[in-house]
PDB file of N, CA and C in Angstrom:
ATOM      1  N   MET A   1      16.098   0.802  19.536  1.00  0.00           N
ATOM      2  CA  MET A   1      14.971   0.116  18.929  1.00  0.00           C
ATOM      3  C   MET A   1      15.268  -0.095  17.438  1.00  0.00           C
ATOM      4  N   ASN A   2      14.837  -1.217  16.941  1.00  0.00           N
ATOM      5  CA  ASN A   2      14.968  -1.551  15.526  1.00  0.00           C
ATOM      6  C   ASN A   2      14.189  -0.542  14.697  1.00  0.00           C
ATOM      7  N   PRO A   3      14.840   0.091  13.690  1.00  0.00           N
ATOM      8  CA  PRO A   3      14.121   1.100  12.890  1.00  0.00           C
ATOM      9  C   PRO A   3      12.868   0.558  12.212  1.00  0.00           C
ATOM     10  N   SER A   4      12.891  -0.697  11.772  1.00  0.00           N
ATOM     11  CA  SER A   4      11.692  -1.235  11.114  1.00  0.00           C
ATOM     12  C   SER A   4      10.573  -1.452  12.121  1.00  0.00           C
ATOM     13  N   ALA A   5      10.893  -1.800  13.351  1.00  0.00           N
ATOM     14  CA  ALA A   5       9.865  -1.941  14.389  1.00  0.00           C
ATOM     15  C   ALA A   5       9.248  -0.583  14.698  1.00  0.00           C
ATOM     16  N   GLN A   6      10.097   0.452  14.761  1.00  0.00           N
ATOM     17  CA  GLN A   6       9.595   1.799  14.998  1.00  0.00           C
ATOM     18  C   GLN A   6       8.674   2.222  13.859  1.00  0.00           C
ATOM     19  N   GLY A   7       9.071   1.943  12.618  1.00  0.00           N
ATOM     20  CA  GLY A   7       8.253   2.293  11.468  1.00  0.00           C
ATOM     21  C   GLY A   7       6.919   1.579  11.480  1.00  0.00           C
ATOM     22  N   SER A   8       6.915   0.312  11.870  1.00  0.00           N
ATOM     23  CA  SER A   8       5.665  -0.455  11.949  1.00  0.00           C
ATOM     24  C   SER A   8       4.730   0.140  12.981  1.00  0.00           C
ATOM     25  N   ARG A   9       5.287   0.515  14.126  1.00  0.00           N
ATOM     26  CA  ARG A   9       4.453   1.093  15.181  1.00  0.00           C
ATOM     27  C   ARG A   9       3.902   2.444  14.729  1.00  0.00           C
ATOM     28  N   ASP A  10       4.731   3.251  14.078  1.00  0.00           N
ATOM     29  CA  ASP A  10       4.255   4.533  13.563  1.00  0.00           C
ATOM     30  C   ASP A  10       3.141   4.323  12.540  1.00  0.00           C
ATOM     31  N   TRP A  11       3.335   3.349  11.669  1.00  0.00           N
ATOM     32  CA  TRP A  11       2.352   3.057  10.622  1.00  0.00           C
ATOM     33  C   TRP A  11       1.014   2.678  11.251  1.00  0.00           C
ATOM     34  N   LEU A  12       1.057   1.832  12.270  1.00  0.00           N
ATOM     35  CA  LEU A  12      -0.182   1.368  12.904  1.00  0.00           C
ATOM     36  C   LEU A  12      -0.819   2.425  13.797  1.00  0.00           C
ATOM     37  N   ALA A  13      -0.140   3.541  14.007  1.00  0.00           N
ATOM     38  CA  ALA A  13      -0.724   4.628  14.802  1.00  0.00           C
ATOM     39  C   ALA A  13      -1.790   5.390  14.016  1.00  0.00           C
ATOM     40  N   HIS A  14      -1.841   5.203  12.695  1.00  0.00           N
ATOM     41  CA  HIS A  14      -2.859   5.873  11.899  1.00  0.00           C
ATOM     42  C   HIS A  14      -4.248   5.362  12.279  1.00  0.00           C
ATOM     43  N   ARG A  15      -5.229   6.230  12.211  1.00  0.00           N
ATOM     44  CA  ARG A  15      -6.608   5.852  12.552  1.00  0.00           C
ATOM     45  C   ARG A  15      -7.284   5.053  11.459  1.00  0.00           C
ATOM     46  N   GLY A  16      -6.693   5.006  10.304  1.00  0.00           N
ATOM     47  CA  GLY A  16      -7.257   4.254   9.195  1.00  0.00           C
ATOM     48  C   GLY A  16      -6.332   4.329   8.002  1.00  0.00           C
ATOM     49  N   PHE A  17      -6.686   3.563   6.988  1.00  0.00           N
ATOM     50  CA  PHE A  17      -5.928   3.500   5.742  1.00  0.00           C
ATOM     51  C   PHE A  17      -6.939   3.543   4.607  1.00  0.00           C
ATOM     52  N   GLY A  18      -6.728   4.451   3.667  1.00  0.00           N
ATOM     53  CA  GLY A  18      -7.724   4.661   2.632  1.00  0.00           C
ATOM     54  C   GLY A  18      -7.295   4.211   1.258  1.00  0.00           C
ATOM     55  N   GLY A  19      -8.295   3.973   0.451  1.00  0.00           N
ATOM     56  CA  GLY A  19      -8.100   3.699  -0.957  1.00  0.00           C
ATOM     57  C   GLY A  19      -9.143   4.472  -1.734  1.00  0.00           C
ATOM     58  N   LEU A  20      -8.730   5.023  -2.874  1.00  0.00           N
ATOM     59  CA  LEU A  20      -9.649   5.777  -3.708  1.00  0.00           C
ATOM     60  C   LEU A  20      -9.573   5.212  -5.114  1.00  0.00           C
ATOM     61  N   ASP A  21     -10.708   4.733  -5.604  1.00  0.00           N
ATOM     62  CA  ASP A  21     -10.831   4.259  -6.982  1.00  0.00           C
ATOM     63  C   ASP A  21     -11.456   5.403  -7.762  1.00  0.00           C
ATOM     64  N   TRP A  22     -10.631   6.090  -8.540  1.00  0.00           N
ATOM     65  CA  TRP A  22     -11.082   7.315  -9.191  1.00  0.00           C
ATOM     66  C   TRP A  22     -11.656   7.036 -10.571  1.00  0.00           C
ATOM     67  N   ALA A  23     -12.551   7.914 -10.976  1.00  0.00           N
ATOM     68  CA  ALA A  23     -13.166   7.863 -12.308  1.00  0.00           C
ATOM     69  C   ALA A  23     -13.534   9.294 -12.694  1.00  0.00           C
ATOM     70  N   SER A  24     -14.073   9.485 -13.874  1.00  0.00           N
ATOM     71  CA  SER A  24     -14.365  10.838 -14.323  1.00  0.00           C
ATOM     72  C   SER A  24     -15.581  11.447 -13.627  1.00  0.00           C
ATOM     73  N   GLN A  25     -16.559  10.628 -13.259  1.00  0.00           N
ATOM     74  CA  GLN A  25     -17.794  11.150 -12.673  1.00  0.00           C
ATOM     75  C   GLN A  25     -17.897  10.934 -11.159  1.00  0.00           C
ATOM     76  N   THR A  26     -17.514   9.745 -10.690  1.00  0.00           N
ATOM     77  CA  THR A  26     -17.602   9.422  -9.261  1.00  0.00           C
ATOM     78  C   THR A  26     -16.333   8.708  -8.813  1.00  0.00           C
ATOM     79  N   HIS A  27     -16.090   8.777  -7.510  1.00  0.00           N
ATOM     80  CA  HIS A  27     -14.933   8.119  -6.913  1.00  0.00           C
ATOM     81  C   HIS A  27     -15.426   7.227  -5.775  1.00  0.00           C
ATOM     82  N   ALA A  28     -14.900   6.004  -5.711  1.00  0.00           N
ATOM     83  CA  ALA A  28     -15.227   5.083  -4.623  1.00  0.00           C
ATOM     84  C   ALA A  28     -14.134   5.178  -3.565  1.00  0.00           C
ATOM     85  N   ILE A  29     -14.543   5.301  -2.319  1.00  0.00           N
ATOM     86  CA  ILE A  29     -13.611   5.438  -1.203  1.00  0.00           C
ATOM     87  C   ILE A  29     -13.847   4.307  -0.218  1.00  0.00           C
ATOM     88  N   ILE A  30     -12.754   3.739   0.261  1.00  0.00           N
ATOM     89  CA  ILE A  30     -12.843   2.726   1.309  1.00  0.00           C
ATOM     90  C   ILE A  30     -11.786   3.047   2.360  1.00  0.00           C
ATOM     91  N   ILE A  31     -12.155   2.868   3.620  1.00  0.00           N
ATOM     92  CA  ILE A  31     -11.230   3.054   4.734  1.00  0.00           C
ATOM     93  C   ILE A  31     -11.246   1.761   5.540  1.00  0.00           C
ATOM     94  N   VAL A  32     -10.053   1.269   5.864  1.00  0.00           N
ATOM     95  CA  VAL A  32      -9.934   0.099   6.732  1.00  0.00           C
ATOM     96  C   VAL A  32      -9.166   0.500   7.976  1.00  0.00           C
ATOM     97  N   ASP A  33      -9.404  -0.240   9.060  1.00  0.00           N
ATOM     98  CA  ASP A  33      -8.655   0.014  10.284  1.00  0.00           C
ATOM     99  C   ASP A  33      -7.365  -0.809  10.265  1.00  0.00           C
ATOM    100  N   ALA A  34      -6.598  -0.743  11.339  1.00  0.00           N
ATOM    101  CA  ALA A  34      -5.305  -1.430  11.402  1.00  0.00           C
ATOM    102  C   ALA A  34      -5.440  -2.948  11.311  1.00  0.00           C
ATOM    103  N   GLN A  35      -6.609  -3.484  11.603  1.00  0.00           N
ATOM    104  CA  GLN A  35      -6.841  -4.933  11.496  1.00  0.00           C
ATOM    105  C   GLN A  35      -7.391  -5.318  10.121  1.00  0.00           C
ATOM    106  N   GLY A  36      -7.585  -4.345   9.259  1.00  0.00           N
ATOM    107  CA  GLY A  36      -8.078  -4.613   7.911  1.00  0.00           C
ATOM    108  C   GLY A  36      -9.589  -4.640   7.784  1.00  0.00           C
ATOM    109  N   ARG A  37     -10.297  -4.262   8.835  1.00  0.00           N
ATOM    110  CA  ARG A  37     -11.759  -4.215   8.783  1.00  0.00           C
ATOM    111  C   ARG A  37     -12.223  -2.947   8.080  1.00  0.00           C
ATOM    112  N   VAL A  38     -13.207  -3.085   7.219  1.00  0.00           N
ATOM    113  CA  VAL A  38     -13.763  -1.931   6.517  1.00  0.00           C
ATOM    114  C   VAL A  38     -14.566  -1.098   7.514  1.00  0.00           C
ATOM    115  N   VAL A  39     -14.202   0.188   7.630  1.00  0.00           N
ATOM    116  CA  VAL A  39     -14.925   1.088   8.536  1.00  0.00           C
ATOM    117  C   VAL A  39     -15.682   2.179   7.780  1.00  0.00           C
ATOM    118  N   GLU A  40     -15.326   2.412   6.529  1.00  0.00           N
ATOM    119  CA  GLU A  40     -16.035   3.359   5.663  1.00  0.00           C
ATOM    120  C   GLU A  40     -16.010   2.798   4.245  1.00  0.00           C
ATOM    121  N   ASP A  41     -17.116   2.940   3.538  1.00  0.00           N
ATOM    122  CA  ASP A  41     -17.206   2.492   2.151  1.00  0.00           C
ATOM    123  C   ASP A  41     -18.291   3.339   1.490  1.00  0.00           C
ATOM    124  N   PHE A  42     -17.889   4.303   0.678  1.00  0.00           N
ATOM    125  CA  PHE A  42     -18.860   5.215   0.085  1.00  0.00           C
ATOM    126  C   PHE A  42     -18.331   5.774  -1.231  1.00  0.00           C
ATOM    127  N   GLU A  43     -19.186   6.472  -1.952  1.00  0.00           N
ATOM    128  CA  GLU A  43     -18.810   7.122  -3.198  1.00  0.00           C
ATOM    129  C   GLU A  43     -19.070   8.612  -3.088  1.00  0.00           C
ATOM    130  N   ILE A  44     -18.294   9.370  -3.862  1.00  0.00           N
ATOM    131  CA  ILE A  44     -18.533  10.802  -3.967  1.00  0.00           C
ATOM    132  C   ILE A  44     -18.547  11.180  -5.439  1.00  0.00           C
ATOM    133  N   GLU A  45     -19.253  12.245  -5.733  1.00  0.00           N
ATOM    134  CA  GLU A  45     -19.221  12.810  -7.084  1.00  0.00           C
ATOM    135  C   GLU A  45     -17.917  13.570  -7.263  1.00  0.00           C
ATOM    136  N   HIS A  46     -17.445  13.630  -8.495  1.00  0.00           N
ATOM    137  CA  HIS A  46     -16.263  14.441  -8.789  1.00  0.00           C
ATOM    138  C   HIS A  46     -16.730  15.882  -8.974  1.00  0.00           C
ATOM    139  N   SER A  47     -16.953  16.533  -7.836  1.00  0.00           N
ATOM    140  CA  SER A  47     -17.441  17.913  -7.812  1.00  0.00           C
ATOM    141  C   SER A  47     -16.993  18.542  -6.499  1.00  0.00           C
ATOM    142  N   ALA A  48     -17.135  19.840  -6.414  1.00  0.00           N
ATOM    143  CA  ALA A  48     -16.789  20.530  -5.167  1.00  0.00           C
ATOM    144  C   ALA A  48     -17.611  19.975  -4.007  1.00  0.00           C
ATOM    145  N   ARG A  49     -18.887  19.719  -4.265  1.00  0.00           N
ATOM    146  CA  ARG A  49     -19.759  19.174  -3.211  1.00  0.00           C
ATOM    147  C   ARG A  49     -19.310  17.767  -2.796  1.00  0.00           C
ATOM    148  N   GLY A  50     -18.913  16.952  -3.782  1.00  0.00           N
ATOM    149  CA  GLY A  50     -18.435  15.608  -3.472  1.00  0.00           C
ATOM    150  C   GLY A  50     -17.176  15.619  -2.626  1.00  0.00           C
ATOM    151  N   TRP A  51     -16.228  16.489  -2.959  1.00  0.00           N
ATOM    152  CA  TRP A  51     -14.995  16.564  -2.183  1.00  0.00           C
ATOM    153  C   TRP A  51     -15.238  17.153  -0.804  1.00  0.00           C
ATOM    154  N   GLN A  52     -16.227  18.019  -0.675  1.00  0.00           N
ATOM    155  CA  GLN A  52     -16.587  18.519   0.650  1.00  0.00           C
ATOM    156  C   GLN A  52     -17.132  17.369   1.503  1.00  0.00           C
ATOM    157  N   LYS A  53     -17.973  16.534   0.905  1.00  0.00           N
ATOM    158  CA  LYS A  53     -18.489  15.353   1.598  1.00  0.00           C
ATOM    159  C   LYS A  53     -17.327  14.456   2.044  1.00  0.00           C
ATOM    160  N   PHE A  54     -16.345  14.280   1.178  1.00  0.00           N
ATOM    161  CA  PHE A  54     -15.154  13.486   1.498  1.00  0.00           C
ATOM    162  C   PHE A  54     -14.466  14.041   2.743  1.00  0.00           C
ATOM    163  N   ARG A  55     -14.196  15.353   2.745  1.00  0.00           N
ATOM    164  CA  ARG A  55     -13.504  15.973   3.875  1.00  0.00           C
ATOM    165  C   ARG A  55     -14.301  15.838   5.171  1.00  0.00           C
ATOM    166  N   GLU A  56     -15.598  16.071   5.083  1.00  0.00           N
ATOM    167  CA  GLU A  56     -16.439  15.975   6.283  1.00  0.00           C
ATOM    168  C   GLU A  56     -16.461  14.557   6.834  1.00  0.00           C
ATOM    169  N   ARG A  57     -16.624  13.591   5.960  1.00  0.00           N
ATOM    170  CA  ARG A  57     -16.739  12.203   6.402  1.00  0.00           C
ATOM    171  C   ARG A  57     -15.426  11.675   6.979  1.00  0.00           C
ATOM    172  N   LEU A  58     -14.296  12.150   6.449  1.00  0.00           N
ATOM    173  CA  LEU A  58     -13.006  11.639   6.897  1.00  0.00           C
ATOM    174  C   LEU A  58     -12.339  12.501   7.958  1.00  0.00           C
ATOM    175  N   GLN A  59     -12.960  13.601   8.333  1.00  0.00           N
ATOM    176  CA  GLN A  59     -12.391  14.497   9.334  1.00  0.00           C
ATOM    177  C   GLN A  59     -11.997  13.768  10.622  1.00  0.00           C
ATOM    178  N   PRO A  60     -12.799  12.816  11.132  1.00  0.00           N
ATOM    179  CA  PRO A  60     -12.416  12.136  12.376  1.00  0.00           C
ATOM    180  C   PRO A  60     -11.127  11.311  12.274  1.00  0.00           C
ATOM    181  N   TYR A  61     -10.711  10.960  11.064  1.00  0.00           N
ATOM    182  CA  TYR A  61      -9.528  10.125  10.881  1.00  0.00           C
ATOM    183  C   TYR A  61      -8.235  10.931  10.810  1.00  0.00           C
ATOM    184  N   GLY A  62      -8.337  12.223  10.590  1.00  0.00           N
ATOM    185  CA  GLY A  62      -7.142  13.040  10.455  1.00  0.00           C
ATOM    186  C   GLY A  62      -6.420  12.734   9.150  1.00  0.00           C
ATOM    187  N   SER A  63      -5.135  12.953   9.155  1.00  0.00           N
ATOM    188  CA  SER A  63      -4.297  12.718   7.978  1.00  0.00           C
ATOM    189  C   SER A  63      -3.916  11.239   7.934  1.00  0.00           C
ATOM    190  N   ILE A  64      -4.469  10.506   6.970  1.00  0.00           N
ATOM    191  CA  ILE A  64      -4.206   9.069   6.890  1.00  0.00           C
ATOM    192  C   ILE A  64      -3.623   8.714   5.517  1.00  0.00           C
ATOM    193  N   PRO A  65      -2.939   7.578   5.427  1.00  0.00           N
ATOM    194  CA  PRO A  65      -2.418   7.127   4.136  1.00  0.00           C
ATOM    195  C   PRO A  65      -3.552   6.765   3.180  1.00  0.00           C
ATOM    196  N   PHE A  66      -3.391   7.158   1.919  1.00  0.00           N
ATOM    197  CA  PHE A  66      -4.376   6.875   0.887  1.00  0.00           C
ATOM    198  C   PHE A  66      -3.687   6.321  -0.343  1.00  0.00           C
ATOM    199  N   ALA A  67      -4.144   5.187  -0.836  1.00  0.00           N
ATOM    200  CA  ALA A  67      -3.642   4.606  -2.078  1.00  0.00           C
ATOM    201  C   ALA A  67      -4.561   5.014  -3.221  1.00  0.00           C
ATOM    202  N   ILE A  68      -3.947   5.311  -4.369  1.00  0.00           N
ATOM    203  CA  ILE A  68      -4.703   5.688  -5.560  1.00  0.00           C
ATOM    204  C   ILE A  68      -3.886   5.258  -6.776  1.00  0.00           C
ATOM    205  N   GLU A  69      -4.562   4.779  -7.812  1.00  0.00           N
ATOM    206  CA  GLU A  69      -3.887   4.260  -9.005  1.00  0.00           C
ATOM    207  C   GLU A  69      -3.534   5.361 -10.000  1.00  0.00           C
ATOM    208  N   THR A  70      -2.888   6.399  -9.532  1.00  0.00           N
ATOM    209  CA  THR A  70      -2.353   7.453 -10.388  1.00  0.00           C
ATOM    210  C   THR A  70      -1.442   8.309  -9.527  1.00  0.00           C
ATOM    211  N   CYS A  71      -0.596   9.074 -10.175  1.00  0.00           N
ATOM    212  CA  CYS A  71       0.284   9.967  -9.423  1.00  0.00           C
ATOM    213  C   CYS A  71       0.003  11.430  -9.734  1.00  0.00           C
ATOM    214  N   GLN A  72      -1.049  11.674 -10.503  1.00  0.00           N
ATOM    215  CA  GLN A  72      -1.344  13.050 -10.896  1.00  0.00           C
ATOM    216  C   GLN A  72      -2.841  13.231 -11.099  1.00  0.00           C
ATOM    217  N   GLY A  73      -3.237  14.474 -11.274  1.00  0.00           N
ATOM    218  CA  GLY A  73      -4.630  14.765 -11.580  1.00  0.00           C
ATOM    219  C   GLY A  73      -5.395  15.347 -10.409  1.00  0.00           C
ATOM    220  N   ALA A  74      -6.643  15.675 -10.689  1.00  0.00           N
ATOM    221  CA  ALA A  74      -7.494  16.363  -9.720  1.00  0.00           C
ATOM    222  C   ALA A  74      -7.734  15.547  -8.453  1.00  0.00           C
ATOM    223  N   ALA A  75      -7.910  14.231  -8.584  1.00  0.00           N
ATOM    224  CA  ALA A  75      -8.168  13.412  -7.391  1.00  0.00           C
ATOM    225  C   ALA A  75      -6.959  13.424  -6.456  1.00  0.00           C
ATOM    226  N   VAL A  76      -5.755  13.319  -7.016  1.00  0.00           N
ATOM    227  CA  VAL A  76      -4.540  13.372  -6.194  1.00  0.00           C
ATOM    228  C   VAL A  76      -4.428  14.743  -5.527  1.00  0.00           C
ATOM    229  N   GLU A  77      -4.688  15.792  -6.288  1.00  0.00           N
ATOM    230  CA  GLU A  77      -4.629  17.146  -5.733  1.00  0.00           C
ATOM    231  C   GLU A  77      -5.625  17.323  -4.589  1.00  0.00           C
ATOM    232  N   GLN A  78      -6.832  16.794  -4.754  1.00  0.00           N
ATOM    233  CA  GLN A  78      -7.842  16.903  -3.697  1.00  0.00           C
ATOM    234  C   GLN A  78      -7.432  16.131  -2.444  1.00  0.00           C
ATOM    235  N   LEU A  79      -6.854  14.941  -2.633  1.00  0.00           N
ATOM    236  CA  LEU A  79      -6.370  14.178  -1.473  1.00  0.00           C
ATOM    237  C   LEU A  79      -5.310  14.967  -0.717  1.00  0.00           C
ATOM    238  N   LEU A  80      -4.360  15.528  -1.449  1.00  0.00           N
ATOM    239  CA  LEU A  80      -3.299  16.310  -0.814  1.00  0.00           C
ATOM    240  C   LEU A  80      -3.863  17.539  -0.114  1.00  0.00           C
ATOM    241  N   GLU A  81      -4.804  18.229  -0.753  1.00  0.00           N
ATOM    242  CA  GLU A  81      -5.418  19.409  -0.134  1.00  0.00           C
ATOM    243  C   GLU A  81      -6.191  19.040   1.132  1.00  0.00           C
ATOM    244  N   ALA A  82      -6.721  17.820   1.175  1.00  0.00           N
ATOM    245  CA  ALA A  82      -7.451  17.353   2.355  1.00  0.00           C
ATOM    246  C   ALA A  82      -6.498  16.882   3.457  1.00  0.00           C
ATOM    247  N   GLY A  83      -5.186  16.921   3.188  1.00  0.00           N
ATOM    248  CA  GLY A  83      -4.205  16.540   4.199  1.00  0.00           C
ATOM    249  C   GLY A  83      -3.881  15.055   4.239  1.00  0.00           C
ATOM    250  N   MET A  84      -4.305  14.318   3.227  1.00  0.00           N
ATOM    251  CA  MET A  84      -4.035  12.886   3.207  1.00  0.00           C
ATOM    252  C   MET A  84      -2.597  12.615   2.757  1.00  0.00           C
ATOM    253  N   ILE A  85      -2.074  11.468   3.151  1.00  0.00           N
ATOM    254  CA  ILE A  85      -0.737  11.023   2.762  1.00  0.00           C
ATOM    255  C   ILE A  85      -0.942  10.122   1.546  1.00  0.00           C
ATOM    256  N   VAL A  86      -0.540  10.587   0.375  1.00  0.00           N
ATOM    257  CA  VAL A  86      -0.870   9.903  -0.874  1.00  0.00           C
ATOM    258  C   VAL A  86       0.216   8.903  -1.264  1.00  0.00           C
ATOM    259  N   TYR A  87      -0.237   7.683  -1.555  1.00  0.00           N
ATOM    260  CA  TYR A  87       0.622   6.622  -2.062  1.00  0.00           C
ATOM    261  C   TYR A  87       0.130   6.253  -3.458  1.00  0.00           C
ATOM    262  N   PRO A  88       0.759   6.814  -4.490  1.00  0.00           N
ATOM    263  CA  PRO A  88       0.338   6.474  -5.855  1.00  0.00           C
ATOM    264  C   PRO A  88       0.764   5.057  -6.216  1.00  0.00           C
ATOM    265  N   LEU A  89      -0.122   4.333  -6.859  1.00  0.00           N
ATOM    266  CA  LEU A  89       0.152   2.969  -7.299  1.00  0.00           C
ATOM    267  C   LEU A  89       0.184   2.939  -8.817  1.00  0.00           C
ATOM    268  N   ASN A  90       1.079   2.139  -9.357  1.00  0.00           N
ATOM    269  CA  ASN A  90       1.115   1.929 -10.792  1.00  0.00           C
ATOM    270  C   ASN A  90      -0.099   1.085 -11.167  1.00  0.00           C
ATOM    271  N   PRO A  91      -0.961   1.553 -12.065  1.00  0.00           N
ATOM    272  CA  PRO A  91      -2.165   0.792 -12.429  1.00  0.00           C
ATOM    273  C   PRO A  91      -1.856  -0.611 -12.953  1.00  0.00           C
ATOM    274  N   LYS A  92      -0.750  -0.777 -13.651  1.00  0.00           N
ATOM    275  CA  LYS A  92      -0.394  -2.108 -14.154  1.00  0.00           C
ATOM    276  C   LYS A  92      -0.031  -3.048 -13.008  1.00  0.00           C
ATOM    277  N   SER A  93       0.656  -2.539 -12.017  1.00  0.00           N
ATOM    278  CA  SER A  93       0.990  -3.353 -10.847  1.00  0.00           C
ATOM    279  C   SER A  93      -0.265  -3.740 -10.079  1.00  0.00           C
ATOM    280  N   ALA A  94      -1.175  -2.793  -9.924  1.00  0.00           N
ATOM    281  CA  ALA A  94      -2.424  -3.069  -9.215  1.00  0.00           C
ATOM    282  C   ALA A  94      -3.244  -4.120  -9.961  1.00  0.00           C
ATOM    283  N   GLN A  95      -3.301  -4.021 -11.292  1.00  0.00           N
ATOM    284  CA  GLN A  95      -4.039  -5.008 -12.079  1.00  0.00           C
ATOM    285  C   GLN A  95      -3.396  -6.383 -11.972  1.00  0.00           C
ATOM    286  N   ALA A  96      -2.085  -6.447 -12.003  1.00  0.00           N
ATOM    287  CA  ALA A  96      -1.391  -7.733 -11.859  1.00  0.00           C
ATOM    288  C   ALA A  96      -1.700  -8.358 -10.500  1.00  0.00           C
ATOM    289  N   TYR A  97      -1.763  -7.549  -9.451  1.00  0.00           N
ATOM    290  CA  TYR A  97      -2.104  -8.044  -8.119  1.00  0.00           C
ATOM    291  C   TYR A  97      -3.526  -8.602  -8.111  1.00  0.00           C
ATOM    292  N   ARG A  98      -4.473  -7.863  -8.693  1.00  0.00           N
ATOM    293  CA  ARG A  98      -5.863  -8.331  -8.737  1.00  0.00           C
ATOM    294  C   ARG A  98      -5.970  -9.633  -9.525  1.00  0.00           C
ATOM    295  N   ASP A  99      -5.273  -9.724 -10.652  1.00  0.00           N
ATOM    296  CA  ASP A  99      -5.295 -10.950 -11.452  1.00  0.00           C
ATOM    297  C   ASP A  99      -4.732 -12.137 -10.668  1.00  0.00           C
ATOM    298  N   ARG A 100      -3.637 -11.904  -9.964  1.00  0.00           N
ATOM    299  CA  ARG A 100      -3.012 -12.974  -9.170  1.00  0.00           C
ATOM    300  C   ARG A 100      -3.955 -13.440  -8.066  1.00  0.00           C
ATOM    301  N   LYS A 101      -4.592 -12.505  -7.380  1.00  0.00           N
ATOM    302  CA  LYS A 101      -5.521 -12.865  -6.295  1.00  0.00           C
ATOM    303  C   LYS A 101      -6.733 -13.608  -6.846  1.00  0.00           C
ATOM    304  N   ALA A 102      -7.224 -13.212  -8.016  1.00  0.00           N
ATOM    305  CA  ALA A 102      -8.376 -13.892  -8.613  1.00  0.00           C
ATOM    306  C   ALA A 102      -8.022 -15.339  -8.925  1.00  0.00           C
ATOM    307  N   ARG A 103      -6.819 -15.587  -9.437  1.00  0.00           N
ATOM    308  CA  ARG A 103      -6.392 -16.958  -9.740  1.00  0.00           C
ATOM    309  C   ARG A 103      -6.265 -17.788  -8.468  1.00  0.00           C
ATOM    310  N   GLU A 104      -5.792 -17.171  -7.384  1.00  0.00           N
ATOM    311  CA  GLU A 104      -5.629 -17.880  -6.114  1.00  0.00           C
ATOM    312  C   GLU A 104      -6.972 -18.320  -5.548  1.00  0.00           C
ATOM    313  N   ARG A 105      -8.006 -17.520  -5.766  1.00  0.00           N
ATOM    314  CA  ARG A 105      -9.342 -17.865  -5.268  1.00  0.00           C
ATOM    315  C   ARG A 105     -10.001 -18.933  -6.093  1.00  0.00           C
ATOM    316  N   GLY A 106      -9.485 -19.138  -7.297  1.00  0.00           N
ATOM    317  CA  GLY A 106      -9.985 -20.221  -8.135  1.00  0.00           C
ATOM    318  C   GLY A 106     -11.046 -19.815  -9.008  1.00  0.00           C
TER     319      GLY A 106
END
């Protein structure tokens, strides 16, 4: 089997794909399914109670890939402790992508 085909199938075996927009007080979380449909969209406080809510709400998804615009800090540590697969994004790259998409929409 082609290694890239195997990787694609493994990737799509995840129950969801997450993104976390972190801030000092609250964090926005979104989960999409393999077809890109939003299945979860909520916020948590940056507190022990907020991270507990995160773990409880995402428990049915198991360990899923999560994108976040940083490679360090408390939010990354909490994602790792929750068993998530963390994909840190360069904030400048993410902003360039958003700017490009905004121009495409007109």
